[in-house]
C-alpha atoms as a PDB file:
ATOM      1  CA  UNK A   1      64.900 103.329-156.416  1.00  0.00           C
ATOM      2  CA  UNK A   2      67.171 104.777-153.724  1.00  0.00           C
ATOM      3  CA  UNK A   3      69.185 102.451-151.539  1.00  0.00           C
ATOM      4  CA  UNK A   4      68.551 102.632-147.820  1.00  0.00           C
ATOM      5  CA  UNK A   5      69.059 100.783-144.556  1.00  0.00           C
ATOM      6  CA  UNK A   6      66.275 100.397-142.029  1.00  0.00           C
ATOM      7  CA  UNK A   7      66.980  99.492-138.419  1.00  0.00           C
ATOM      8  CA  UNK A   8      63.892  98.868-136.285  1.00  0.00           C
ATOM      9  CA  UNK A   9      64.917  97.663-132.826  1.00  0.00           C
ATOM     10  CA  UNK A  10      61.463  96.696-131.648  1.00  0.00           C
ATOM     11  CA  UNK A  11      61.123  93.876-129.161  1.00  0.00           C
ATOM     12  CA  UNK A  12      57.734  92.184-128.972  1.00  0.00           C
ATOM     13  CA  UNK A  13      57.033  89.796-126.107  1.00  0.00           C
ATOM     14  CA  UNK A  14      53.819  87.888-126.762  1.00  0.00           C
ATOM     15  CA  UNK A  15      51.955  84.984-125.242  1.00  0.00           C
ATOM     16  CA  UNK A  16      50.210  83.705-122.151  1.00  0.00           C
ATOM     17  CA  UNK A  17      51.841  85.151-119.048  1.00  0.00           C
ATOM     18  CA  UNK A  18      54.086  87.518-121.004  1.00  0.00           C
ATOM     19  CA  UNK A  19      53.127  90.362-118.662  1.00  0.00           C
ATOM     20  CA  UNK A  20      55.095  88.609-115.894  1.00  0.00           C
ATOM     21  CA  UNK A  21      58.288  89.817-117.606  1.00  0.00           C
ATOM     22  CA  UNK A  22      57.413  93.516-117.405  1.00  0.00           C
ATOM     23  CA  UNK A  23      59.655  94.549-114.505  1.00  0.00           C
ATOM     24  CA  UNK A  24      62.609  92.552-115.808  1.00  0.00           C
ATOM     25  CA  UNK A  25      62.237  94.103-119.272  1.00  0.00           C
ATOM     26  CA  UNK A  26      62.015  97.607-117.833  1.00  0.00           C
ATOM     27  CA  UNK A  27      65.280  96.987-115.997  1.00  0.00           C
ATOM     28  CA  UNK A  28      66.830  95.444-119.130  1.00  0.00           C
ATOM     29  CA  UNK A  29      66.097  98.639-121.031  1.00  0.00           C
ATOM     30  CA  UNK A  30      67.417 100.915-118.281  1.00  0.00           C
ATOM     31  CA  UNK A  31      64.163 102.038-116.699  1.00  0.00           C
ATOM     32  CA  UNK A  32      64.376 103.189-113.092  1.00  0.00           C
ATOM     33  CA  UNK A  33      61.236 105.340-112.685  1.00  0.00           C
ATOM     34  CA  UNK A  34      58.124 104.464-114.668  1.00  0.00           C
ATOM     35  CA  UNK A  35      55.102 106.459-115.797  1.00  0.00           C
ATOM     36  CA  UNK A  36      52.305 103.987-116.540  1.00  0.00           C
ATOM     37  CA  UNK A  37      49.853 105.169-119.199  1.00  0.00           C
ATOM     38  CA  UNK A  38      46.558 103.332-119.557  1.00  0.00           C
ATOM     39  CA  UNK A  39      42.952 103.800-120.639  1.00  0.00           C
ATOM     40  CA  UNK A  40      39.661 104.096-118.865  1.00  0.00           C
ATOM     41  CA  UNK A  41      39.414 100.932-116.862  1.00  0.00           C
ATOM     42  CA  UNK A  42      39.728  97.614-118.674  1.00  0.00           C
ATOM     43  CA  UNK A  43      43.312  97.162-117.450  1.00  0.00           C
ATOM     44  CA  UNK A  44      42.057  97.816-113.935  1.00  0.00           C
ATOM     45  CA  UNK A  45      39.000  95.547-114.230  1.00  0.00           C
ATOM     46  CA  UNK A  46      41.069  92.715-115.702  1.00  0.00           C
ATOM     47  CA  UNK A  47      43.634  92.921-112.902  1.00  0.00           C
ATOM     48  CA  UNK A  48      46.487  93.555-115.338  1.00  0.00           C
ATOM     49  CA  UNK A  49      47.379  96.928-113.843  1.00  0.00           C
ATOM     50  CA  UNK A  50      47.581  95.400-110.358  1.00  0.00           C
ATOM     51  CA  UNK A  51      49.789  92.546-111.620  1.00  0.00           C
ATOM     52  CA  UNK A  52      52.232  94.946-113.204  1.00  0.00           C
ATOM     53  CA  UNK A  53      52.335  97.428-110.338  1.00  0.00           C
ATOM     54  CA  UNK A  54      52.909  94.529-107.926  1.00  0.00           C
ATOM     55  CA  UNK A  55      55.931  93.487-110.019  1.00  0.00           C
ATOM     56  CA  UNK A  56      57.302  97.002-110.033  1.00  0.00           C
ATOM     57  CA  UNK A  57      56.838  97.281-106.279  1.00  0.00           C
ATOM     58  CA  UNK A  58      58.527  93.917-105.696  1.00  0.00           C
ATOM     59  CA  UNK A  59      61.491  95.028-107.840  1.00  0.00           C
ATOM     60  CA  UNK A  60      61.690  98.445-106.105  1.00  0.00           C
ATOM     61  CA  UNK A  61      60.919 100.318-109.297  1.00  0.00           C
ATOM     62  CA  UNK A  62      59.032 103.527-108.475  1.00  0.00           C
ATOM     63  CA  UNK A  63      56.025 104.224-110.675  1.00  0.00           C
ATOM     64  CA  UNK A  64      53.322 106.792-111.217  1.00  0.00           C
ATOM     65  CA  UNK A  65      49.979 105.940-112.823  1.00  0.00           C
ATOM     66  CA  UNK A  66      48.459 108.159-115.519  1.00  0.00           C
ATOM     67  CA  UNK A  67      45.113 106.682-116.486  1.00  0.00           C
ATOM     68  CA  UNK A  68      42.264 107.852-118.659  1.00  0.00           C
ATOM     69  CA  UNK A  69      43.541 107.651-122.228  1.00  0.00           C
ATOM     70  CA  UNK A  70      40.620 107.756-124.656  1.00  0.00           C
ATOM     71  CA  UNK A  71      40.371 106.817-128.331  1.00  0.00           C
ATOM     72  CA  UNK A  72      42.174 109.559-130.250  1.00  0.00           C
ATOM     73  CA  UNK A  73      43.759 110.747-126.987  1.00  0.00           C
ATOM     74  CA  UNK A  74      43.221 114.366-126.086  1.00  0.00           C
ATOM     75  CA  UNK A  75      46.152 116.726-126.207  1.00  0.00           C
ATOM     76  CA  UNK A  76      45.385 117.815-122.651  1.00  0.00           C
ATOM     77  CA  UNK A  77      45.817 114.210-121.434  1.00  0.00           C
ATOM     78  CA  UNK A  78      49.179 113.900-123.183  1.00  0.00           C
ATOM     79  CA  UNK A  79      50.375 117.286-121.909  1.00  0.00           C
ATOM     80  CA  UNK A  80      49.344 116.342-118.365  1.00  0.00           C
ATOM     81  CA  UNK A  81      51.291 113.101-118.790  1.00  0.00           C
ATOM     82  CA  UNK A  82      54.372 114.996-119.938  1.00  0.00           C
ATOM     83  CA  UNK A  83      54.162 117.299-116.921  1.00  0.00           C
ATOM     84  CA  UNK A  84      53.662 114.342-114.569  1.00  0.00           C
ATOM     85  CA  UNK A  85      56.554 112.374-116.080  1.00  0.00           C
ATOM     86  CA  UNK A  86      58.938 115.317-115.865  1.00  0.00           C
ATOM     87  CA  UNK A  87      57.898 116.174-112.308  1.00  0.00           C
ATOM     88  CA  UNK A  88      58.229 112.531-111.237  1.00  0.00           C
ATOM     89  CA  UNK A  89      61.558 112.099-113.033  1.00  0.00           C
ATOM     90  CA  UNK A  90      60.286 109.212-115.151  1.00  0.00           C
ATOM     91  CA  UNK A  91      62.838 107.666-117.458  1.00  0.00           C
ATOM     92  CA  UNK A  92      60.509 104.971-118.800  1.00  0.00           C
ATOM     93  CA  UNK A  93      56.990 105.358-120.216  1.00  0.00           C
ATOM     94  CA  UNK A  94      54.960 102.133-120.093  1.00  0.00           C
ATOM     95  CA  UNK A  95      51.714 101.840-122.050  1.00  0.00           C
ATOM     96  CA  UNK A  96      49.333  99.190-120.757  1.00  0.00           C
ATOM     97  CA  UNK A  97      46.313  98.487-122.917  1.00  0.00           C
ATOM     98  CA  UNK A  98      45.458  99.109-126.513  1.00  0.00           C
ATOM     99  CA  UNK A  99      46.078 101.679-129.172  1.00  0.00           C
ATOM    100  CA  UNK A 100      44.799 104.669-127.205  1.00  0.00           C
ATOM    101  CA  UNK A 101      47.220 104.059-124.345  1.00  0.00           C
ATOM    102  CA  UNK A 102      50.039 103.401-126.803  1.00  0.00           C
ATOM    103  CA  UNK A 103      49.303 106.564-128.806  1.00  0.00           C
ATOM    104  CA  UNK A 104      49.186 108.685-125.658  1.00  0.00           C
ATOM    105  CA  UNK A 105      52.367 107.077-124.299  1.00  0.00           C
ATOM    106  CA  UNK A 106      54.245 107.847-127.523  1.00  0.00           C
ATOM    107  CA  UNK A 107      53.304 111.526-127.286  1.00  0.00           C
ATOM    108  CA  UNK A 108      54.167 111.604-123.573  1.00  0.00           C
ATOM    109  CA  UNK A 109      57.523 109.940-124.180  1.00  0.00           C
ATOM    110  CA  UNK A 110      58.394 112.451-126.884  1.00  0.00           C
ATOM    111  CA  UNK A 111      57.358 115.388-124.720  1.00  0.00           C
ATOM    112  CA  UNK A 112      59.254 114.056-121.704  1.00  0.00           C
ATOM    113  CA  UNK A 113      62.459 113.557-123.684  1.00  0.00           C
ATOM    114  CA  UNK A 114      62.086 116.930-125.424  1.00  0.00           C
ATOM    115  CA  UNK A 115      60.599 119.282-122.817  1.00  0.00           C
ATOM    116  CA  UNK A 116      61.467 122.403-124.838  1.00  0.00           C
ATOM    117  CA  UNK A 117      59.306 121.293-127.779  1.00  0.00           C
ATOM    118  CA  UNK A 118      55.524 121.386-127.350  1.00  0.00           C
ATOM    119  CA  UNK A 119      54.116 118.041-128.443  1.00  0.00           C
ATOM    120  CA  UNK A 120      51.440 119.662-130.592  1.00  0.00           C
ATOM    121  CA  UNK A 121      53.988 121.808-132.409  1.00  0.00           C
ATOM    122  CA  UNK A 122      56.064 118.695-133.030  1.00  0.00           C
ATOM    123  CA  UNK A 123      53.049 116.920-134.585  1.00  0.00           C
ATOM    124  CA  UNK A 124      52.340 119.998-136.727  1.00  0.00           C
ATOM    125  CA  UNK A 125      56.038 120.102-137.704  1.00  0.00           C
ATOM    126  CA  UNK A 126      56.345 123.727-136.612  1.00  0.00           C
END
Protein backbone atom coordinates (compact mmCIF):
# COMPACT_ATOMS: atom_id res chain seq x y z
CA UNK A 1 0.00 0.00 0.00
CA UNK A 2 1.28 3.48 -0.87
CA UNK A 3 1.51 6.11 1.83
CA UNK A 4 -0.50 9.26 1.31
CA UNK A 5 -1.89 12.30 3.08
CA UNK A 6 -5.45 13.46 2.55
CA UNK A 7 -6.55 16.97 3.46
CA UNK A 8 -10.28 17.63 3.09
CA UNK A 9 -11.13 21.11 4.38
CA UNK A 10 -14.88 20.72 4.29
CA UNK A 11 -16.96 22.64 6.78
CA UNK A 12 -20.46 21.33 7.44
CA UNK A 13 -22.89 23.48 9.41
CA UNK A 14 -25.95 21.45 10.36
CA UNK A 15 -28.98 21.87 12.55
CA UNK A 16 -32.11 23.89 13.15
CA UNK A 17 -31.55 27.49 12.09
CA UNK A 18 -28.15 26.78 10.53
CA UNK A 19 -29.16 28.75 7.43
CA UNK A 20 -29.05 31.93 9.54
CA UNK A 21 -25.24 31.75 9.36
CA UNK A 22 -25.07 31.86 5.56
CA UNK A 23 -24.01 35.48 5.07
CA UNK A 24 -21.46 35.33 7.87
CA UNK A 25 -19.95 32.13 6.44
CA UNK A 26 -19.76 33.62 2.95
CA UNK A 27 -17.83 36.56 4.38
CA UNK A 28 -15.63 34.21 6.43
CA UNK A 29 -14.62 32.42 3.25
CA UNK A 30 -13.97 35.63 1.32
CA UNK A 31 -17.14 35.85 -0.75
CA UNK A 32 -18.10 39.32 -1.95
CA UNK A 33 -20.41 38.59 -4.91
CA UNK A 34 -22.56 35.46 -4.86
CA UNK A 35 -24.19 33.37 -7.57
CA UNK A 36 -27.00 31.38 -5.95
CA UNK A 37 -27.73 28.06 -7.66
CA UNK A 38 -30.96 26.27 -6.81
CA UNK A 39 -33.54 23.87 -8.22
CA UNK A 40 -37.05 24.18 -9.51
CA UNK A 41 -38.94 25.68 -6.63
CA UNK A 42 -38.84 23.90 -3.28
CA UNK A 43 -36.34 26.42 -1.90
CA UNK A 44 -38.68 29.18 -3.03
CA UNK A 45 -41.85 27.51 -1.70
CA UNK A 46 -40.23 26.78 1.66
CA UNK A 47 -39.07 30.38 2.06
CA UNK A 48 -35.42 29.35 2.36
CA UNK A 49 -34.33 31.33 -0.69
CA UNK A 50 -35.99 34.48 0.67
CA UNK A 51 -34.33 34.00 4.09
CA UNK A 52 -30.90 33.71 2.54
CA UNK A 53 -31.29 36.56 0.06
CA UNK A 54 -32.57 38.77 2.90
CA UNK A 55 -29.37 38.00 4.84
CA UNK A 56 -27.21 38.80 1.85
CA UNK A 57 -29.06 42.06 1.29
CA UNK A 58 -28.75 43.02 4.96
CA UNK A 59 -24.99 42.34 4.83
CA UNK A 60 -24.58 44.26 1.53
CA UNK A 61 -23.44 41.18 -0.34
CA UNK A 62 -24.54 41.41 -3.98
CA UNK A 63 -26.08 38.24 -5.40
CA UNK A 64 -27.51 36.86 -8.60
CA UNK A 65 -30.00 33.98 -8.65
CA UNK A 66 -29.62 31.08 -11.08
CA UNK A 67 -32.55 28.74 -10.56
CA UNK A 68 -33.83 25.70 -12.39
CA UNK A 69 -31.32 22.94 -11.67
CA UNK A 70 -32.85 19.56 -12.49
CA UNK A 71 -31.83 16.04 -11.49
CA UNK A 72 -28.73 15.22 -13.53
CA UNK A 73 -28.35 18.92 -14.37
CA UNK A 74 -28.19 19.80 -18.03
CA UNK A 75 -24.94 21.04 -19.46
CA UNK A 76 -26.75 24.06 -20.88
CA UNK A 77 -27.86 25.08 -17.36
CA UNK A 78 -24.30 24.81 -16.04
CA UNK A 79 -22.85 26.70 -19.00
CA UNK A 80 -25.45 29.45 -18.55
CA UNK A 81 -24.47 29.60 -14.88
CA UNK A 82 -20.80 29.94 -15.78
CA UNK A 83 -21.57 32.78 -18.18
CA UNK A 84 -23.78 34.50 -15.59
CA UNK A 85 -21.18 34.14 -12.82
CA UNK A 86 -18.38 35.51 -14.98
CA UNK A 87 -20.50 38.41 -16.25
CA UNK A 88 -21.65 39.24 -12.72
CA UNK A 89 -18.14 38.91 -11.29
CA UNK A 90 -19.18 36.25 -8.78
CA UNK A 91 -16.44 35.05 -6.48
CA UNK A 92 -18.66 32.69 -4.49
CA UNK A 93 -21.05 30.01 -5.79
CA UNK A 94 -23.75 29.06 -3.27
CA UNK A 95 -25.87 25.95 -3.81
CA UNK A 96 -29.19 25.98 -2.00
CA UNK A 97 -31.14 22.74 -2.08
CA UNK A 98 -30.25 19.16 -2.76
CA UNK A 99 -27.93 17.18 -4.93
CA UNK A 100 -29.02 18.68 -8.24
CA UNK A 101 -28.24 22.22 -7.10
CA UNK A 102 -24.97 21.06 -5.57
CA UNK A 103 -23.92 19.17 -8.72
CA UNK A 104 -24.72 22.16 -10.93
CA UNK A 105 -22.94 24.56 -8.55
CA UNK A 106 -19.79 22.43 -8.62
CA UNK A 107 -19.69 22.54 -12.42
CA UNK A 108 -20.43 26.28 -12.42
CA UNK A 109 -17.71 26.95 -9.85
CA UNK A 110 -15.17 25.02 -11.89
CA UNK A 111 -16.14 26.80 -15.10
CA UNK A 112 -16.08 30.22 -13.42
CA UNK A 113 -12.62 29.66 -11.96
CA UNK A 114 -11.31 28.18 -15.22
CA UNK A 115 -13.02 30.13 -18.01
CA UNK A 116 -10.59 28.87 -20.66
CA UNK A 117 -11.58 25.24 -20.07
CA UNK A 118 -15.03 24.12 -21.25
CA UNK A 119 -16.73 22.30 -18.38
CA UNK A 120 -17.74 19.39 -20.60
CA UNK A 121 -14.19 18.91 -21.86
CA UNK A 122 -12.99 18.95 -18.26
CA UNK A 123 -15.47 16.18 -17.34
CA UNK A 124 -14.37 14.17 -20.39
CA UNK A 125 -10.72 14.78 -19.41
CA UNK A 126 -9.91 16.17 -22.84
